[in-house]
N, C-alpha and C. Protein backbone atom coordinates (compact mmCIF):
# COMPACT_ATOMS: atom_id res chain seq x y z
N MET A 1 0.84 -1.18 0.00
CA MET A 1 0.00 0.00 0.00
C MET A 1 0.88 1.24 0.00
N PHE A 2 0.37 2.30 -0.62
CA PHE A 2 1.07 3.58 -0.65
C PHE A 2 0.08 4.66 -0.23
N LEU A 3 0.47 5.50 0.70
CA LEU A 3 -0.37 6.59 1.18
C LEU A 3 0.20 7.93 0.74
N ALA A 4 -0.68 8.82 0.35
CA ALA A 4 -0.31 10.22 0.10
C ALA A 4 -1.21 11.07 0.99
N VAL A 5 -0.59 11.88 1.82
CA VAL A 5 -1.32 12.78 2.71
C VAL A 5 -1.05 14.20 2.25
N PHE A 6 -2.12 14.91 1.91
CA PHE A 6 -2.03 16.27 1.39
C PHE A 6 -2.59 17.21 2.45
N ARG A 7 -1.70 17.94 3.10
CA ARG A 7 -2.07 18.87 4.17
C ARG A 7 -2.03 20.27 3.56
N ASN A 8 -3.15 21.01 3.67
CA ASN A 8 -3.18 22.30 2.98
C ASN A 8 -4.03 23.34 3.68
N ARG A 9 -3.77 24.57 3.28
CA ARG A 9 -4.58 25.73 3.68
C ARG A 9 -4.92 26.49 2.41
N LYS A 10 -6.20 26.83 2.29
CA LYS A 10 -6.66 27.57 1.12
C LYS A 10 -6.47 29.07 1.35
N ARG A 11 -6.34 29.79 0.26
CA ARG A 11 -6.31 31.25 0.33
C ARG A 11 -7.69 31.77 0.69
N ALA A 12 -7.76 32.92 1.29
CA ALA A 12 -9.04 33.50 1.70
C ALA A 12 -9.86 33.97 0.51
N ASP A 13 -9.20 34.27 -0.61
CA ASP A 13 -9.89 34.88 -1.76
C ASP A 13 -10.23 33.90 -2.88
N ILE A 14 -10.29 32.60 -2.61
CA ILE A 14 -10.51 31.66 -3.70
C ILE A 14 -11.97 31.68 -4.16
N ASP A 15 -12.16 31.23 -5.40
CA ASP A 15 -13.49 31.00 -5.94
C ASP A 15 -13.90 29.61 -5.45
N GLN A 16 -14.65 29.55 -4.36
CA GLN A 16 -14.98 28.29 -3.70
C GLN A 16 -15.75 27.35 -4.63
N CYS A 17 -16.65 27.90 -5.42
CA CYS A 17 -17.43 27.07 -6.35
C CYS A 17 -16.51 26.42 -7.38
N ALA A 18 -15.60 27.19 -7.96
CA ALA A 18 -14.66 26.65 -8.95
C ALA A 18 -13.78 25.58 -8.31
N TYR A 19 -13.33 25.84 -7.07
CA TYR A 19 -12.50 24.86 -6.37
C TYR A 19 -13.26 23.56 -6.17
N GLU A 20 -14.49 23.62 -5.71
CA GLU A 20 -15.28 22.42 -5.45
C GLU A 20 -15.52 21.61 -6.72
N VAL A 21 -15.78 22.29 -7.84
CA VAL A 21 -15.96 21.60 -9.12
C VAL A 21 -14.67 20.88 -9.51
N GLU A 22 -13.55 21.58 -9.39
CA GLU A 22 -12.27 20.98 -9.74
C GLU A 22 -11.92 19.81 -8.82
N ALA A 23 -12.15 19.96 -7.53
CA ALA A 23 -11.85 18.90 -6.58
C ALA A 23 -12.70 17.65 -6.88
N ALA A 24 -13.96 17.86 -7.18
CA ALA A 24 -14.84 16.72 -7.52
C ALA A 24 -14.35 16.02 -8.78
N ARG A 25 -13.91 16.79 -9.75
CA ARG A 25 -13.40 16.20 -10.99
C ARG A 25 -12.13 15.40 -10.72
N MET A 26 -11.24 15.91 -9.89
CA MET A 26 -10.01 15.19 -9.58
C MET A 26 -10.31 13.89 -8.84
N GLU A 27 -11.28 13.93 -7.93
CA GLU A 27 -11.64 12.70 -7.21
C GLU A 27 -12.22 11.67 -8.18
N GLU A 28 -13.06 12.12 -9.10
CA GLU A 28 -13.63 11.23 -10.11
C GLU A 28 -12.53 10.62 -10.99
N LEU A 29 -11.61 11.44 -11.43
CA LEU A 29 -10.51 10.99 -12.28
C LEU A 29 -9.61 10.00 -11.53
N ALA A 30 -9.31 10.30 -10.26
CA ALA A 30 -8.46 9.41 -9.46
C ALA A 30 -9.11 8.04 -9.30
N ARG A 31 -10.42 8.01 -9.02
CA ARG A 31 -11.12 6.73 -8.84
C ARG A 31 -10.98 5.82 -10.05
N ASP A 32 -10.82 6.41 -11.24
CA ASP A 32 -10.70 5.63 -12.48
C ASP A 32 -9.29 5.13 -12.75
N GLN A 33 -8.33 5.52 -11.91
CA GLN A 33 -6.94 5.14 -12.15
C GLN A 33 -6.63 3.75 -11.62
N PRO A 34 -5.84 2.98 -12.36
CA PRO A 34 -5.42 1.67 -11.85
C PRO A 34 -4.67 1.84 -10.52
N GLY A 35 -5.00 1.02 -9.55
CA GLY A 35 -4.32 1.05 -8.26
C GLY A 35 -4.94 1.97 -7.23
N TYR A 36 -5.96 2.74 -7.62
CA TYR A 36 -6.64 3.62 -6.66
C TYR A 36 -7.40 2.78 -5.65
N LEU A 37 -7.28 3.13 -4.37
CA LEU A 37 -8.01 2.42 -3.32
C LEU A 37 -9.05 3.31 -2.63
N SER A 38 -8.65 4.51 -2.21
CA SER A 38 -9.61 5.36 -1.51
C SER A 38 -9.10 6.80 -1.41
N PHE A 39 -10.04 7.68 -1.04
CA PHE A 39 -9.72 9.09 -0.81
C PHE A 39 -10.68 9.62 0.25
N LYS A 40 -10.14 10.34 1.21
CA LYS A 40 -10.94 11.01 2.24
C LYS A 40 -10.30 12.36 2.53
N SER A 41 -11.15 13.33 2.86
CA SER A 41 -10.67 14.65 3.17
C SER A 41 -11.35 15.14 4.44
N TYR A 42 -10.57 15.80 5.31
CA TYR A 42 -11.07 16.27 6.59
C TYR A 42 -10.63 17.72 6.77
N THR A 43 -11.55 18.55 7.27
CA THR A 43 -11.24 19.95 7.51
C THR A 43 -11.30 20.24 9.00
N ALA A 44 -10.24 20.82 9.52
CA ALA A 44 -10.16 21.18 10.93
C ALA A 44 -10.91 22.49 11.18
N ASP A 45 -11.20 22.75 12.44
CA ASP A 45 -11.91 23.98 12.82
C ASP A 45 -11.18 25.24 12.36
N ASP A 46 -9.85 25.17 12.27
CA ASP A 46 -9.08 26.35 11.87
C ASP A 46 -8.91 26.46 10.35
N GLY A 47 -9.56 25.57 9.59
CA GLY A 47 -9.53 25.65 8.13
C GLY A 47 -8.48 24.78 7.47
N GLU A 48 -7.57 24.22 8.23
CA GLU A 48 -6.58 23.34 7.63
C GLU A 48 -7.27 22.06 7.14
N VAL A 49 -6.82 21.56 5.99
CA VAL A 49 -7.41 20.36 5.39
C VAL A 49 -6.35 19.26 5.35
N ILE A 50 -6.78 18.05 5.68
CA ILE A 50 -5.95 16.86 5.53
C ILE A 50 -6.70 15.94 4.57
N ALA A 51 -6.07 15.62 3.46
CA ALA A 51 -6.65 14.70 2.48
C ALA A 51 -5.72 13.49 2.38
N VAL A 52 -6.31 12.31 2.45
CA VAL A 52 -5.54 11.07 2.43
C VAL A 52 -5.99 10.23 1.24
N SER A 53 -5.03 9.89 0.38
CA SER A 53 -5.35 8.96 -0.71
C SER A 53 -4.53 7.70 -0.53
N GLU A 54 -5.19 6.57 -0.79
CA GLU A 54 -4.55 5.26 -0.67
C GLU A 54 -4.45 4.63 -2.05
N TRP A 55 -3.28 4.04 -2.32
CA TRP A 55 -3.00 3.42 -3.61
C TRP A 55 -2.45 2.02 -3.38
N GLU A 56 -2.62 1.15 -4.33
CA GLU A 56 -2.08 -0.21 -4.20
C GLU A 56 -0.58 -0.20 -3.99
N ASP A 57 0.12 0.69 -4.71
CA ASP A 57 1.57 0.76 -4.59
C ASP A 57 2.07 2.12 -5.07
N GLU A 58 3.35 2.34 -4.91
CA GLU A 58 3.95 3.62 -5.27
C GLU A 58 3.82 3.90 -6.76
N ASP A 59 3.98 2.88 -7.60
CA ASP A 59 3.86 3.08 -9.04
C ASP A 59 2.50 3.63 -9.42
N ALA A 60 1.44 3.13 -8.79
CA ALA A 60 0.09 3.64 -9.08
C ALA A 60 -0.04 5.10 -8.68
N ALA A 61 0.49 5.46 -7.52
CA ALA A 61 0.43 6.85 -7.06
C ALA A 61 1.24 7.76 -7.98
N LEU A 62 2.40 7.31 -8.41
CA LEU A 62 3.22 8.12 -9.30
C LEU A 62 2.56 8.28 -10.67
N ALA A 63 1.88 7.24 -11.14
CA ALA A 63 1.16 7.34 -12.42
C ALA A 63 0.07 8.39 -12.31
N TRP A 64 -0.63 8.42 -11.18
CA TRP A 64 -1.67 9.45 -10.96
C TRP A 64 -1.06 10.84 -10.99
N ARG A 65 0.09 10.99 -10.40
CA ARG A 65 0.76 12.29 -10.37
C ARG A 65 1.09 12.79 -11.77
N ARG A 66 1.30 11.85 -12.71
CA ARG A 66 1.71 12.24 -14.07
C ARG A 66 0.54 12.47 -15.03
N ILE A 67 -0.69 12.23 -14.62
CA ILE A 67 -1.86 12.45 -15.50
C ILE A 67 -1.93 13.94 -15.84
N ALA A 68 -2.01 14.26 -17.12
CA ALA A 68 -1.96 15.66 -17.58
C ALA A 68 -3.04 16.51 -16.93
N GLU A 69 -4.26 16.02 -16.86
CA GLU A 69 -5.35 16.81 -16.26
C GLU A 69 -5.10 17.07 -14.77
N HIS A 70 -4.51 16.09 -14.10
CA HIS A 70 -4.17 16.27 -12.69
C HIS A 70 -3.05 17.29 -12.53
N ARG A 71 -2.05 17.21 -13.39
CA ARG A 71 -0.93 18.17 -13.33
C ARG A 71 -1.43 19.60 -13.55
N ALA A 72 -2.36 19.77 -14.49
CA ALA A 72 -2.93 21.10 -14.74
C ALA A 72 -3.69 21.60 -13.51
N ALA A 73 -4.43 20.71 -12.86
CA ALA A 73 -5.17 21.08 -11.66
C ALA A 73 -4.21 21.45 -10.52
N GLN A 74 -3.10 20.74 -10.42
CA GLN A 74 -2.11 21.07 -9.40
C GLN A 74 -1.58 22.49 -9.62
N GLN A 75 -1.31 22.84 -10.86
CA GLN A 75 -0.81 24.18 -11.15
C GLN A 75 -1.86 25.24 -10.82
N ARG A 76 -3.13 24.98 -11.18
CA ARG A 76 -4.20 25.92 -10.82
C ARG A 76 -4.30 26.05 -9.30
N GLY A 77 -4.08 24.94 -8.59
CA GLY A 77 -4.10 25.00 -7.13
C GLY A 77 -3.05 25.95 -6.59
N ARG A 78 -1.85 25.85 -7.13
CA ARG A 78 -0.78 26.76 -6.68
C ARG A 78 -1.08 28.21 -7.08
N ASP A 79 -1.66 28.39 -8.27
CA ASP A 79 -1.93 29.75 -8.77
C ASP A 79 -3.13 30.40 -8.11
N ALA A 80 -4.18 29.62 -7.81
CA ALA A 80 -5.45 30.24 -7.45
C ALA A 80 -6.07 29.80 -6.13
N TYR A 81 -5.66 28.66 -5.56
CA TYR A 81 -6.39 28.13 -4.42
C TYR A 81 -5.62 28.03 -3.12
N TYR A 82 -4.36 27.61 -3.16
CA TYR A 82 -3.67 27.26 -1.93
C TYR A 82 -2.77 28.37 -1.41
N GLU A 83 -2.85 28.57 -0.10
CA GLU A 83 -1.91 29.44 0.60
C GLU A 83 -0.63 28.66 0.87
N SER A 84 -0.81 27.39 1.24
CA SER A 84 0.33 26.52 1.50
C SER A 84 -0.14 25.07 1.47
N TYR A 85 0.82 24.18 1.22
CA TYR A 85 0.52 22.75 1.34
C TYR A 85 1.79 21.95 1.54
N THR A 86 1.62 20.77 2.08
CA THR A 86 2.69 19.79 2.26
C THR A 86 2.13 18.45 1.84
N VAL A 87 2.92 17.67 1.10
CA VAL A 87 2.53 16.32 0.73
C VAL A 87 3.45 15.35 1.46
N PHE A 88 2.86 14.40 2.14
CA PHE A 88 3.60 13.33 2.81
C PHE A 88 3.33 12.05 2.02
N ALA A 89 4.37 11.36 1.62
CA ALA A 89 4.23 10.12 0.85
C ALA A 89 4.84 8.98 1.66
N CYS A 90 4.11 7.88 1.74
CA CYS A 90 4.56 6.78 2.58
C CYS A 90 4.39 5.45 1.85
N LYS A 91 5.49 4.81 1.58
CA LYS A 91 5.50 3.49 0.95
C LYS A 91 5.47 2.43 2.04
N ASP A 92 4.60 1.46 1.88
CA ASP A 92 4.48 0.35 2.83
C ASP A 92 4.36 0.83 4.27
N PRO A 93 3.30 1.59 4.58
CA PRO A 93 3.15 2.10 5.94
C PRO A 93 2.92 0.97 6.94
N ARG A 94 3.35 1.20 8.14
CA ARG A 94 3.03 0.27 9.22
C ARG A 94 1.58 0.51 9.58
N ILE A 95 0.78 -0.55 9.61
CA ILE A 95 -0.66 -0.41 9.81
C ILE A 95 -1.06 -1.16 11.08
N HIS A 96 -1.80 -0.48 11.94
CA HIS A 96 -2.38 -1.08 13.14
C HIS A 96 -3.88 -0.89 13.04
N ARG A 97 -4.65 -1.92 13.30
CA ARG A 97 -6.11 -1.82 13.19
C ARG A 97 -6.76 -2.28 14.48
N PHE A 98 -7.95 -1.73 14.72
CA PHE A 98 -8.82 -2.18 15.79
C PHE A 98 -10.24 -2.16 15.25
N GLU A 99 -10.97 -3.22 15.46
CA GLU A 99 -12.39 -3.28 15.13
C GLU A 99 -13.11 -3.96 16.29
N ARG A 100 -14.01 -3.25 16.90
CA ARG A 100 -14.76 -3.81 18.03
C ARG A 100 -15.40 -5.13 17.63
N GLY A 101 -15.29 -6.11 18.47
CA GLY A 101 -15.86 -7.42 18.21
C GLY A 101 -14.95 -8.33 17.38
N LYS A 102 -13.80 -7.81 16.95
CA LYS A 102 -12.88 -8.63 16.15
C LYS A 102 -11.51 -8.70 16.83
N GLU A 103 -11.52 -8.70 18.15
CA GLU A 103 -10.25 -8.75 18.89
C GLU A 103 -9.69 -10.14 18.88
């Protein structure tokens, strides 16, 4: 498994509607990529966002990074949407699970 964690803060002056349309399109496009497993996004009370995408392996995540439409969206993000961001990439993460009733 390969995890990509995208931690970001949006600019105060963004076109929120345009951002939401673009984000939905990127999620749709990612779901269609070989090796895609999941995507979740969480927003903290202070506006910081943590988005986590899971991929079968690093090659699948890197292939997603190279998709032309995704690259164009990344550039628009830097130009028009994000104040700052950090991407954390983790190959073969150590995973600990708990599920009630399955101890």
